[in-house]
Amino acid sequence: MKFKMKVSKFNFCAIAIFLTLGIFGSTKADGGIAQFNSSNKSTQTLAQTLPPPPATQPVTEPEAPPILSESAPDQIALATHLQTIKARMYGAYWCPHCHTQQELFGKEAFTAITYIECDPRGKDAQPDLCKAAKIQAYPTWEIRGKYYTGRQSLEKLALLSGYKGSSNFQPQLPSP
């Protein structure tokens, strides 16, 4: 069976409207149903709100991929500060935004972060802590009793946590 699609001005307008709404809107998955929320924000926080992979699929790797980026002294200092004030990062091993957040710190610095694995299939999982904290998206940061959903820049984490040290956060290249 062959399908032909006639391209018209109407099709281009519909595509343009759809793309525009996609840029200025966001979706929220709730129980498997996507809900559209319009927004006039020009920036978007990245968070994984989809449910975890189905339990019927065998989990072959219950750990996140390794962190490949190197930590600079300022990343280590911020991570140490976050540990000192008892900040926490809630996440899931399969969440791509969580992994990107880890890469922003680098492998040395991230060892100082208090990380809570929310997926019960993950290594050292603590799903009860996640449920008690009402975590609904990954990553979620808990800093000084407040929750911040989505991947955060190191500059924003420094600001939210009251970090006063050097903040020359330079992205580091992964080791070969």
N, C-alpha and C. Protein backbone atom coordinates (compact mmCIF):
# COMPACT_ATOMS: atom_id res chain seq x y z
N MET A 1 0.85 -1.17 0.00
CA MET A 1 0.00 0.00 0.00
C MET A 1 0.90 1.23 0.00
N LYS A 2 0.62 2.16 -0.87
CA LYS A 2 1.43 3.35 -1.02
C LYS A 2 0.62 4.56 -0.62
N PHE A 3 1.24 5.47 0.13
CA PHE A 3 0.57 6.69 0.53
C PHE A 3 1.28 7.88 -0.08
N LYS A 4 0.51 8.83 -0.55
CA LYS A 4 1.07 10.07 -1.06
C LYS A 4 0.55 11.19 -0.21
N MET A 5 1.43 12.12 0.08
CA MET A 5 0.99 13.28 0.85
C MET A 5 1.20 14.51 0.00
N LYS A 6 0.14 15.23 -0.20
CA LYS A 6 0.22 16.44 -0.98
C LYS A 6 0.64 17.57 -0.05
N VAL A 7 1.73 18.22 -0.40
CA VAL A 7 2.24 19.33 0.40
C VAL A 7 1.55 20.60 -0.05
N SER A 8 0.95 21.28 0.88
CA SER A 8 0.26 22.51 0.56
C SER A 8 0.63 23.58 1.57
N LYS A 9 0.17 24.80 1.35
CA LYS A 9 0.42 25.89 2.29
C LYS A 9 -0.20 25.55 3.65
N PHE A 10 -1.33 24.87 3.64
CA PHE A 10 -1.98 24.49 4.90
C PHE A 10 -1.08 23.55 5.70
N ASN A 11 -0.45 22.56 5.02
CA ASN A 11 0.44 21.63 5.72
C ASN A 11 1.61 22.38 6.34
N PHE A 12 2.20 23.31 5.60
CA PHE A 12 3.33 24.07 6.13
C PHE A 12 2.89 24.91 7.33
N CYS A 13 1.70 25.51 7.27
CA CYS A 13 1.20 26.29 8.40
C CYS A 13 0.97 25.40 9.62
N ALA A 14 0.39 24.24 9.40
CA ALA A 14 0.15 23.31 10.51
C ALA A 14 1.45 22.88 11.15
N ILE A 15 2.46 22.58 10.32
CA ILE A 15 3.77 22.19 10.84
C ILE A 15 4.38 23.35 11.62
N ALA A 16 4.30 24.56 11.10
CA ALA A 16 4.87 25.73 11.77
C ALA A 16 4.20 25.96 13.13
N ILE A 17 2.89 25.81 13.17
CA ILE A 17 2.16 25.99 14.44
C ILE A 17 2.58 24.92 15.43
N PHE A 18 2.67 23.69 14.98
CA PHE A 18 3.07 22.59 15.85
C PHE A 18 4.47 22.82 16.41
N LEU A 19 5.41 23.22 15.55
CA LEU A 19 6.78 23.48 16.00
C LEU A 19 6.83 24.66 16.96
N THR A 20 6.07 25.70 16.68
CA THR A 20 6.03 26.87 17.56
C THR A 20 5.51 26.48 18.94
N LEU A 21 4.43 25.71 18.98
CA LEU A 21 3.89 25.26 20.26
C LEU A 21 4.89 24.38 20.98
N GLY A 22 5.64 23.58 20.24
CA GLY A 22 6.64 22.72 20.85
C GLY A 22 7.78 23.52 21.47
N ILE A 23 8.14 24.66 20.87
CA ILE A 23 9.21 25.49 21.39
C ILE A 23 8.76 26.23 22.64
N PHE A 24 7.54 26.75 22.65
CA PHE A 24 7.07 27.56 23.76
C PHE A 24 6.19 26.79 24.74
N GLY A 25 6.15 25.49 24.60
CA GLY A 25 5.33 24.71 25.50
C GLY A 25 6.14 23.57 26.07
N SER A 26 5.57 22.90 26.99
CA SER A 26 6.22 21.74 27.56
C SER A 26 5.17 20.69 27.81
N THR A 27 5.61 19.45 27.86
CA THR A 27 4.69 18.38 28.16
C THR A 27 5.08 17.75 29.48
N LYS A 28 4.09 17.20 30.13
CA LYS A 28 4.31 16.53 31.41
C LYS A 28 3.63 15.19 31.31
N ALA A 29 4.39 14.13 31.54
CA ALA A 29 3.80 12.80 31.52
C ALA A 29 3.30 12.50 32.92
N ASP A 30 2.04 12.11 33.00
CA ASP A 30 1.44 11.80 34.29
C ASP A 30 0.65 10.52 34.12
N GLY A 31 1.18 9.44 34.63
CA GLY A 31 0.48 8.17 34.50
C GLY A 31 0.41 7.69 33.07
N GLY A 32 1.41 8.05 32.25
CA GLY A 32 1.44 7.62 30.87
C GLY A 32 0.66 8.52 29.93
N ILE A 33 0.04 9.58 30.45
CA ILE A 33 -0.72 10.50 29.61
C ILE A 33 0.08 11.80 29.51
N ALA A 34 0.34 12.23 28.29
CA ALA A 34 1.08 13.47 28.11
C ALA A 34 0.12 14.64 28.21
N GLN A 35 0.48 15.62 29.02
CA GLN A 35 -0.33 16.82 29.17
C GLN A 35 0.45 17.99 28.62
N PHE A 36 -0.21 18.86 27.88
CA PHE A 36 0.45 20.02 27.30
C PHE A 36 0.23 21.23 28.19
N ASN A 37 1.32 21.90 28.50
CA ASN A 37 1.24 23.14 29.29
C ASN A 37 1.92 24.23 28.48
N SER A 38 1.20 25.29 28.16
CA SER A 38 1.83 26.38 27.41
C SER A 38 2.68 27.19 28.37
N SER A 39 3.72 27.80 27.83
CA SER A 39 4.65 28.56 28.67
C SER A 39 5.25 29.68 27.84
N ASN A 40 5.52 30.78 28.48
CA ASN A 40 6.18 31.86 27.77
C ASN A 40 7.65 31.92 28.14
N LYS A 41 8.14 30.90 28.81
CA LYS A 41 9.56 30.86 29.18
C LYS A 41 10.39 30.53 27.95
N SER A 42 11.52 31.21 27.83
CA SER A 42 12.36 30.94 26.68
C SER A 42 13.38 29.85 27.01
N THR A 43 13.58 29.53 28.29
CA THR A 43 14.47 28.45 28.65
C THR A 43 13.66 27.34 29.28
N GLN A 44 14.18 26.16 29.21
CA GLN A 44 13.44 25.01 29.69
C GLN A 44 14.37 24.16 30.55
N THR A 45 13.91 23.75 31.71
CA THR A 45 14.67 22.86 32.56
C THR A 45 14.49 21.45 32.03
N LEU A 46 15.58 20.73 31.93
CA LEU A 46 15.50 19.39 31.40
C LEU A 46 15.38 18.39 32.54
N ALA A 47 14.34 17.59 32.48
CA ALA A 47 14.11 16.57 33.49
C ALA A 47 13.46 15.38 32.83
N GLN A 48 13.71 14.20 33.37
CA GLN A 48 13.09 12.99 32.88
C GLN A 48 11.82 12.77 33.67
N THR A 49 10.67 12.91 33.01
CA THR A 49 9.40 12.72 33.70
C THR A 49 8.67 11.48 33.22
N LEU A 50 9.26 10.76 32.30
CA LEU A 50 8.63 9.54 31.82
C LEU A 50 8.79 8.44 32.85
N PRO A 51 7.88 7.46 32.86
CA PRO A 51 8.04 6.35 33.79
C PRO A 51 9.29 5.54 33.44
N PRO A 52 9.80 4.76 34.39
CA PRO A 52 10.98 3.95 34.10
C PRO A 52 10.67 2.90 33.04
N PRO A 53 11.71 2.29 32.51
CA PRO A 53 11.49 1.22 31.53
C PRO A 53 10.58 0.15 32.13
N PRO A 54 9.76 -0.49 31.31
CA PRO A 54 8.84 -1.50 31.83
C PRO A 54 9.57 -2.60 32.61
N ALA A 55 8.96 -3.06 33.69
CA ALA A 55 9.56 -4.08 34.54
C ALA A 55 9.65 -5.43 33.84
N THR A 56 8.88 -5.60 32.76
CA THR A 56 8.89 -6.87 32.05
C THR A 56 10.17 -7.06 31.25
N GLN A 57 10.86 -5.96 30.95
CA GLN A 57 12.13 -6.08 30.24
C GLN A 57 13.23 -6.38 31.24
N PRO A 58 14.10 -7.34 30.93
CA PRO A 58 15.18 -7.63 31.86
C PRO A 58 16.14 -6.44 31.94
N VAL A 59 16.55 -6.12 33.14
CA VAL A 59 17.50 -5.03 33.33
C VAL A 59 18.88 -5.63 33.20
N THR A 60 19.61 -5.20 32.18
CA THR A 60 20.94 -5.76 31.97
C THR A 60 22.00 -4.94 32.68
N GLU A 61 21.76 -3.67 32.87
CA GLU A 61 22.73 -2.82 33.54
C GLU A 61 22.01 -1.91 34.53
N PRO A 62 21.95 -2.31 35.82
CA PRO A 62 21.26 -1.49 36.81
C PRO A 62 22.10 -0.32 37.32
N GLU A 63 23.11 0.04 36.57
CA GLU A 63 23.97 1.17 36.94
C GLU A 63 23.98 2.17 35.80
N ALA A 64 24.22 3.42 36.16
CA ALA A 64 24.36 4.47 35.15
C ALA A 64 25.65 4.24 34.37
N PRO A 65 25.72 4.78 33.17
CA PRO A 65 26.98 4.68 32.44
C PRO A 65 28.07 5.40 33.23
N PRO A 66 29.32 5.03 33.02
CA PRO A 66 30.40 5.68 33.77
C PRO A 66 30.51 7.17 33.42
N ILE A 67 30.92 7.95 34.40
CA ILE A 67 31.16 9.38 34.18
C ILE A 67 32.55 9.49 33.56
N LEU A 68 32.63 10.12 32.40
CA LEU A 68 33.89 10.18 31.68
C LEU A 68 34.61 11.52 31.82
N SER A 69 33.90 12.57 32.17
CA SER A 69 34.54 13.89 32.25
C SER A 69 35.40 14.01 33.50
N GLU A 70 36.45 14.80 33.39
CA GLU A 70 37.35 15.08 34.50
C GLU A 70 36.81 16.27 35.28
N SER A 71 37.07 16.30 36.56
CA SER A 71 36.63 17.41 37.41
C SER A 71 37.74 18.44 37.54
N ALA A 72 37.36 19.70 37.48
CA ALA A 72 38.29 20.80 37.75
C ALA A 72 38.18 21.13 39.24
N PRO A 73 39.14 21.84 39.79
CA PRO A 73 39.10 22.18 41.23
C PRO A 73 37.81 22.87 41.66
N ASP A 74 37.23 23.73 40.82
CA ASP A 74 36.00 24.43 41.21
C ASP A 74 34.80 23.49 41.26
N GLN A 75 34.76 22.50 40.37
CA GLN A 75 33.69 21.51 40.42
C GLN A 75 33.79 20.70 41.72
N ILE A 76 35.01 20.34 42.11
CA ILE A 76 35.22 19.57 43.33
C ILE A 76 34.84 20.41 44.55
N ALA A 77 35.20 21.68 44.54
CA ALA A 77 34.86 22.57 45.66
C ALA A 77 33.35 22.73 45.80
N LEU A 78 32.64 22.89 44.69
CA LEU A 78 31.18 23.02 44.75
C LEU A 78 30.56 21.72 45.26
N ALA A 79 31.02 20.58 44.77
CA ALA A 79 30.48 19.29 45.21
C ALA A 79 30.72 19.09 46.71
N THR A 80 31.88 19.48 47.19
CA THR A 80 32.19 19.37 48.62
C THR A 80 31.26 20.27 49.43
N HIS A 81 31.01 21.48 48.92
CA HIS A 81 30.08 22.40 49.58
C HIS A 81 28.68 21.80 49.64
N LEU A 82 28.22 21.23 48.53
CA LEU A 82 26.89 20.62 48.49
C LEU A 82 26.80 19.46 49.49
N GLN A 83 27.88 18.71 49.62
CA GLN A 83 27.91 17.61 50.59
C GLN A 83 27.85 18.18 52.01
N THR A 84 28.58 19.26 52.27
CA THR A 84 28.62 19.87 53.60
C THR A 84 27.24 20.36 54.04
N ILE A 85 26.47 20.93 53.10
CA ILE A 85 25.14 21.44 53.47
C ILE A 85 24.06 20.37 53.33
N LYS A 86 24.48 19.13 53.08
CA LYS A 86 23.59 17.97 52.98
C LYS A 86 22.60 18.06 51.82
N ALA A 87 23.05 18.64 50.72
CA ALA A 87 22.23 18.66 49.50
C ALA A 87 22.17 17.24 48.94
N ARG A 88 21.09 16.92 48.23
CA ARG A 88 20.92 15.60 47.63
C ARG A 88 20.47 15.72 46.19
N MET A 89 20.92 14.78 45.39
CA MET A 89 20.43 14.66 44.03
C MET A 89 19.69 13.33 43.93
N TYR A 90 18.40 13.39 43.57
CA TYR A 90 17.59 12.19 43.35
C TYR A 90 17.58 11.90 41.85
N GLY A 91 17.76 10.64 41.49
CA GLY A 91 17.78 10.31 40.09
C GLY A 91 17.51 8.84 39.84
N ALA A 92 17.68 8.43 38.59
CA ALA A 92 17.51 7.05 38.18
C ALA A 92 18.66 6.70 37.22
N TYR A 93 19.17 5.51 37.36
CA TYR A 93 20.33 5.09 36.59
C TYR A 93 20.11 5.19 35.08
N TRP A 94 18.87 5.06 34.62
CA TRP A 94 18.57 5.06 33.19
C TRP A 94 18.25 6.46 32.65
N CYS A 95 18.25 7.48 33.51
CA CYS A 95 17.85 8.84 33.13
C CYS A 95 18.99 9.59 32.43
N PRO A 96 18.80 9.98 31.18
CA PRO A 96 19.87 10.67 30.46
C PRO A 96 20.20 12.04 31.05
N HIS A 97 19.21 12.74 31.61
CA HIS A 97 19.46 14.06 32.20
C HIS A 97 20.28 13.93 33.49
N CYS A 98 20.06 12.86 34.22
CA CYS A 98 20.85 12.60 35.43
C CYS A 98 22.31 12.37 35.05
N HIS A 99 22.51 11.60 33.99
CA HIS A 99 23.89 11.33 33.56
C HIS A 99 24.58 12.62 33.10
N THR A 100 23.85 13.45 32.38
CA THR A 100 24.43 14.72 31.95
C THR A 100 24.78 15.58 33.16
N GLN A 101 23.92 15.58 34.19
CA GLN A 101 24.19 16.32 35.42
C GLN A 101 25.48 15.82 36.05
N GLN A 102 25.67 14.51 36.07
CA GLN A 102 26.88 13.92 36.63
C GLN A 102 28.11 14.34 35.84
N GLU A 103 27.98 14.35 34.52
CA GLU A 103 29.10 14.75 33.66
C GLU A 103 29.49 16.21 33.89
N LEU A 104 28.53 17.08 34.25
CA LEU A 104 28.86 18.48 34.54
C LEU A 104 29.82 18.60 35.72
N PHE A 105 29.66 17.72 36.71
CA PHE A 105 30.57 17.71 37.85
C PHE A 105 31.88 17.01 37.53
N GLY A 106 31.82 15.96 36.76
CA GLY A 106 33.01 15.15 36.51
C GLY A 106 33.10 14.03 37.51
N LYS A 107 33.89 13.01 37.16
CA LYS A 107 33.91 11.79 37.97
C LYS A 107 34.46 12.00 39.37
N GLU A 108 35.47 12.83 39.55
CA GLU A 108 36.03 13.04 40.88
C GLU A 108 35.05 13.81 41.77
N ALA A 109 34.48 14.88 41.25
CA ALA A 109 33.59 15.72 42.05
C ALA A 109 32.29 14.99 42.39
N PHE A 110 31.77 14.21 41.47
CA PHE A 110 30.47 13.60 41.72
C PHE A 110 30.52 12.58 42.85
N THR A 111 31.70 12.06 43.16
CA THR A 111 31.79 11.13 44.29
C THR A 111 31.44 11.82 45.61
N ALA A 112 31.53 13.15 45.68
CA ALA A 112 31.18 13.89 46.90
C ALA A 112 29.68 14.20 46.98
N ILE A 113 28.97 14.07 45.89
CA ILE A 113 27.53 14.39 45.87
C ILE A 113 26.75 13.27 46.53
N THR A 114 25.79 13.63 47.36
CA THR A 114 24.88 12.63 47.93
C THR A 114 23.84 12.33 46.87
N TYR A 115 23.97 11.16 46.25
CA TYR A 115 23.08 10.74 45.17
C TYR A 115 22.14 9.67 45.69
N ILE A 116 20.84 9.85 45.44
CA ILE A 116 19.82 8.90 45.85
C ILE A 116 19.25 8.24 44.59
N GLU A 117 19.46 6.94 44.46
CA GLU A 117 18.92 6.17 43.33
C GLU A 117 17.46 5.83 43.63
N CYS A 118 16.56 6.27 42.76
CA CYS A 118 15.13 6.10 42.98
C CYS A 118 14.55 4.83 42.36
N ASP A 119 15.15 4.32 41.32
CA ASP A 119 14.62 3.12 40.68
C ASP A 119 14.99 1.91 41.54
N PRO A 120 13.99 1.12 41.97
CA PRO A 120 14.29 -0.02 42.84
C PRO A 120 15.24 -1.04 42.21
N ARG A 121 15.37 -1.02 40.87
CA ARG A 121 16.26 -1.95 40.19
C ARG A 121 17.69 -1.45 40.12
N GLY A 122 17.91 -0.19 40.50
CA GLY A 122 19.24 0.40 40.42
C GLY A 122 20.15 -0.02 41.55
N LYS A 123 21.43 0.18 41.34
CA LYS A 123 22.43 -0.15 42.36
C LYS A 123 22.25 0.76 43.57
N ASP A 124 22.25 0.18 44.77
CA ASP A 124 22.09 0.91 46.03
C ASP A 124 20.81 1.75 46.04
N ALA A 125 19.74 1.20 45.48
CA ALA A 125 18.47 1.92 45.36
C ALA A 125 17.87 2.26 46.73
N GLN A 126 17.23 3.43 46.79
CA GLN A 126 16.54 3.89 47.99
C GLN A 126 15.18 4.47 47.60
N PRO A 127 14.32 3.66 46.98
CA PRO A 127 13.04 4.19 46.49
C PRO A 127 12.15 4.76 47.59
N ASP A 128 12.27 4.25 48.81
CA ASP A 128 11.44 4.78 49.90
C ASP A 128 11.78 6.25 50.20
N LEU A 129 13.06 6.61 50.10
CA LEU A 129 13.45 8.01 50.30
C LEU A 129 12.84 8.89 49.20
N CYS A 130 12.82 8.38 47.99
CA CYS A 130 12.27 9.13 46.86
C CYS A 130 10.76 9.32 47.03
N LYS A 131 10.08 8.27 47.48
CA LYS A 131 8.64 8.37 47.70
C LYS A 131 8.34 9.34 48.83
N ALA A 132 9.12 9.28 49.91
CA ALA A 132 8.91 10.18 51.05
C ALA A 132 9.13 11.63 50.64
N ALA A 133 10.08 11.86 49.73
CA ALA A 133 10.37 13.22 49.26
C ALA A 133 9.43 13.64 48.12
N LYS A 134 8.55 12.72 47.67
CA LYS A 134 7.59 12.98 46.59
C LYS A 134 8.29 13.37 45.29
N ILE A 135 9.35 12.66 44.96
CA ILE A 135 10.11 12.92 43.73
C ILE A 135 9.29 12.45 42.54
N GLN A 136 9.08 13.34 41.56
CA GLN A 136 8.27 13.00 40.40
C GLN A 136 9.03 13.13 39.08
N ALA A 137 10.24 13.66 39.13
CA ALA A 137 11.04 13.81 37.92
C ALA A 137 12.51 13.72 38.29
N TYR A 138 13.31 13.31 37.33
CA TYR A 138 14.75 13.16 37.56
C TYR A 138 15.54 14.04 36.61
N PRO A 139 16.63 14.61 37.04
CA PRO A 139 17.06 14.68 38.43
C PRO A 139 16.24 15.71 39.20
N THR A 140 16.18 15.53 40.51
CA THR A 140 15.62 16.53 41.42
C THR A 140 16.66 16.78 42.49
N TRP A 141 16.95 18.05 42.71
CA TRP A 141 17.89 18.45 43.76
C TRP A 141 17.13 18.89 44.99
N GLU A 142 17.60 18.46 46.14
CA GLU A 142 17.09 18.94 47.43
C GLU A 142 18.21 19.78 48.05
N ILE A 143 17.96 21.07 48.16
CA ILE A 143 18.96 21.99 48.71
C ILE A 143 18.29 22.86 49.76
N ARG A 144 18.78 22.74 50.97
CA ARG A 144 18.28 23.53 52.10
C ARG A 144 16.75 23.42 52.25
N GLY A 145 16.24 22.20 52.09
CA GLY A 145 14.82 21.94 52.29
C GLY A 145 13.92 22.28 51.12
N LYS A 146 14.48 22.76 50.02
CA LYS A 146 13.69 23.07 48.83
C LYS A 146 14.09 22.11 47.71
N TYR A 147 13.13 21.87 46.80
CA TYR A 147 13.35 20.93 45.71
C TYR A 147 13.41 21.67 44.37
N TYR A 148 14.37 21.26 43.54
CA TYR A 148 14.58 21.87 42.22
C TYR A 148 14.63 20.73 41.20
N THR A 149 13.65 20.72 40.31
CA THR A 149 13.52 19.65 39.33
C THR A 149 14.27 19.99 38.06
N GLY A 150 14.94 19.00 37.54
CA GLY A 150 15.61 19.13 36.25
C GLY A 150 17.11 19.33 36.41
N ARG A 151 17.77 19.14 35.29
CA ARG A 151 19.22 19.33 35.25
C ARG A 151 19.52 20.80 35.52
N GLN A 152 20.44 21.06 36.44
CA GLN A 152 20.79 22.43 36.83
C GLN A 152 22.22 22.73 36.41
N SER A 153 22.46 23.96 36.03
CA SER A 153 23.84 24.36 35.75
C SER A 153 24.60 24.42 37.07
N LEU A 154 25.91 24.31 37.01
CA LEU A 154 26.71 24.39 38.23
C LEU A 154 26.61 25.80 38.83
N GLU A 155 26.49 26.80 37.98
CA GLU A 155 26.33 28.17 38.46
C GLU A 155 25.04 28.31 39.27
N LYS A 156 23.95 27.69 38.79
CA LYS A 156 22.68 27.78 39.51
C LYS A 156 22.75 27.01 40.83
N LEU A 157 23.38 25.84 40.82
CA LEU A 157 23.53 25.08 42.06
C LEU A 157 24.35 25.87 43.07
N ALA A 158 25.38 26.57 42.59
CA ALA A 158 26.18 27.41 43.49
C ALA A 158 25.32 28.51 44.10
N LEU A 159 24.52 29.15 43.29
CA LEU A 159 23.64 30.23 43.77
C LEU A 159 22.59 29.70 44.75
N LEU A 160 21.93 28.61 44.40
CA LEU A 160 20.88 28.05 45.26
C LEU A 160 21.42 27.57 46.60
N SER A 161 22.66 27.13 46.61
CA SER A 161 23.24 26.55 47.83
C SER A 161 24.01 27.55 48.68
N GLY A 162 24.19 28.76 48.17
CA GLY A 162 24.95 29.74 48.93
C GLY A 162 26.46 29.54 48.84
N TYR A 163 26.92 28.87 47.81
CA TYR A 163 28.35 28.62 47.60
C TYR A 163 29.07 29.93 47.36
N LYS A 164 30.16 30.16 48.07
CA LYS A 164 30.91 31.42 47.97
C LYS A 164 32.29 31.25 47.34
N GLY A 165 32.66 30.05 46.99
CA GLY A 165 33.99 29.80 46.43
C GLY A 165 34.10 30.23 44.98
N SER A 166 35.25 29.92 44.41
CA SER A 166 35.51 30.22 43.00
C SER A 166 34.53 29.45 42.13
N SER A 167 34.00 30.11 41.13
CA SER A 167 33.01 29.45 40.27
C SER A 167 33.41 29.52 38.80
N ASN A 168 34.64 29.18 38.55
CA ASN A 168 35.13 29.11 37.17
C ASN A 168 34.89 27.68 36.68
N PHE A 169 33.60 27.35 36.50
CA PHE A 169 33.21 26.00 36.12
C PHE A 169 33.44 25.82 34.63
N GLN A 170 34.46 25.09 34.30
CA GLN A 170 34.80 24.85 32.91
C GLN A 170 34.43 23.42 32.55
N PRO A 171 33.72 23.26 31.43
CA PRO A 171 33.45 21.86 31.02
C PRO A 171 34.75 21.17 30.71
N GLN A 172 34.89 19.98 31.24
CA GLN A 172 36.10 19.20 31.04
C GLN A 172 35.85 18.14 29.99
N LEU A 173 36.85 17.85 29.20
CA LEU A 173 36.72 16.82 28.18
C LEU A 173 36.86 15.44 28.83
N PRO A 174 36.07 14.46 28.34
CA PRO A 174 36.23 13.11 28.87
C PRO A 174 37.63 12.58 28.60
N SER A 175 38.11 11.72 29.49
CA SER A 175 39.41 11.09 29.26
C SER A 175 39.29 10.07 28.15
N PRO A 176 40.33 9.92 27.38
CA PRO A 176 40.28 8.92 26.28
C PRO A 176 40.27 7.51 26.81
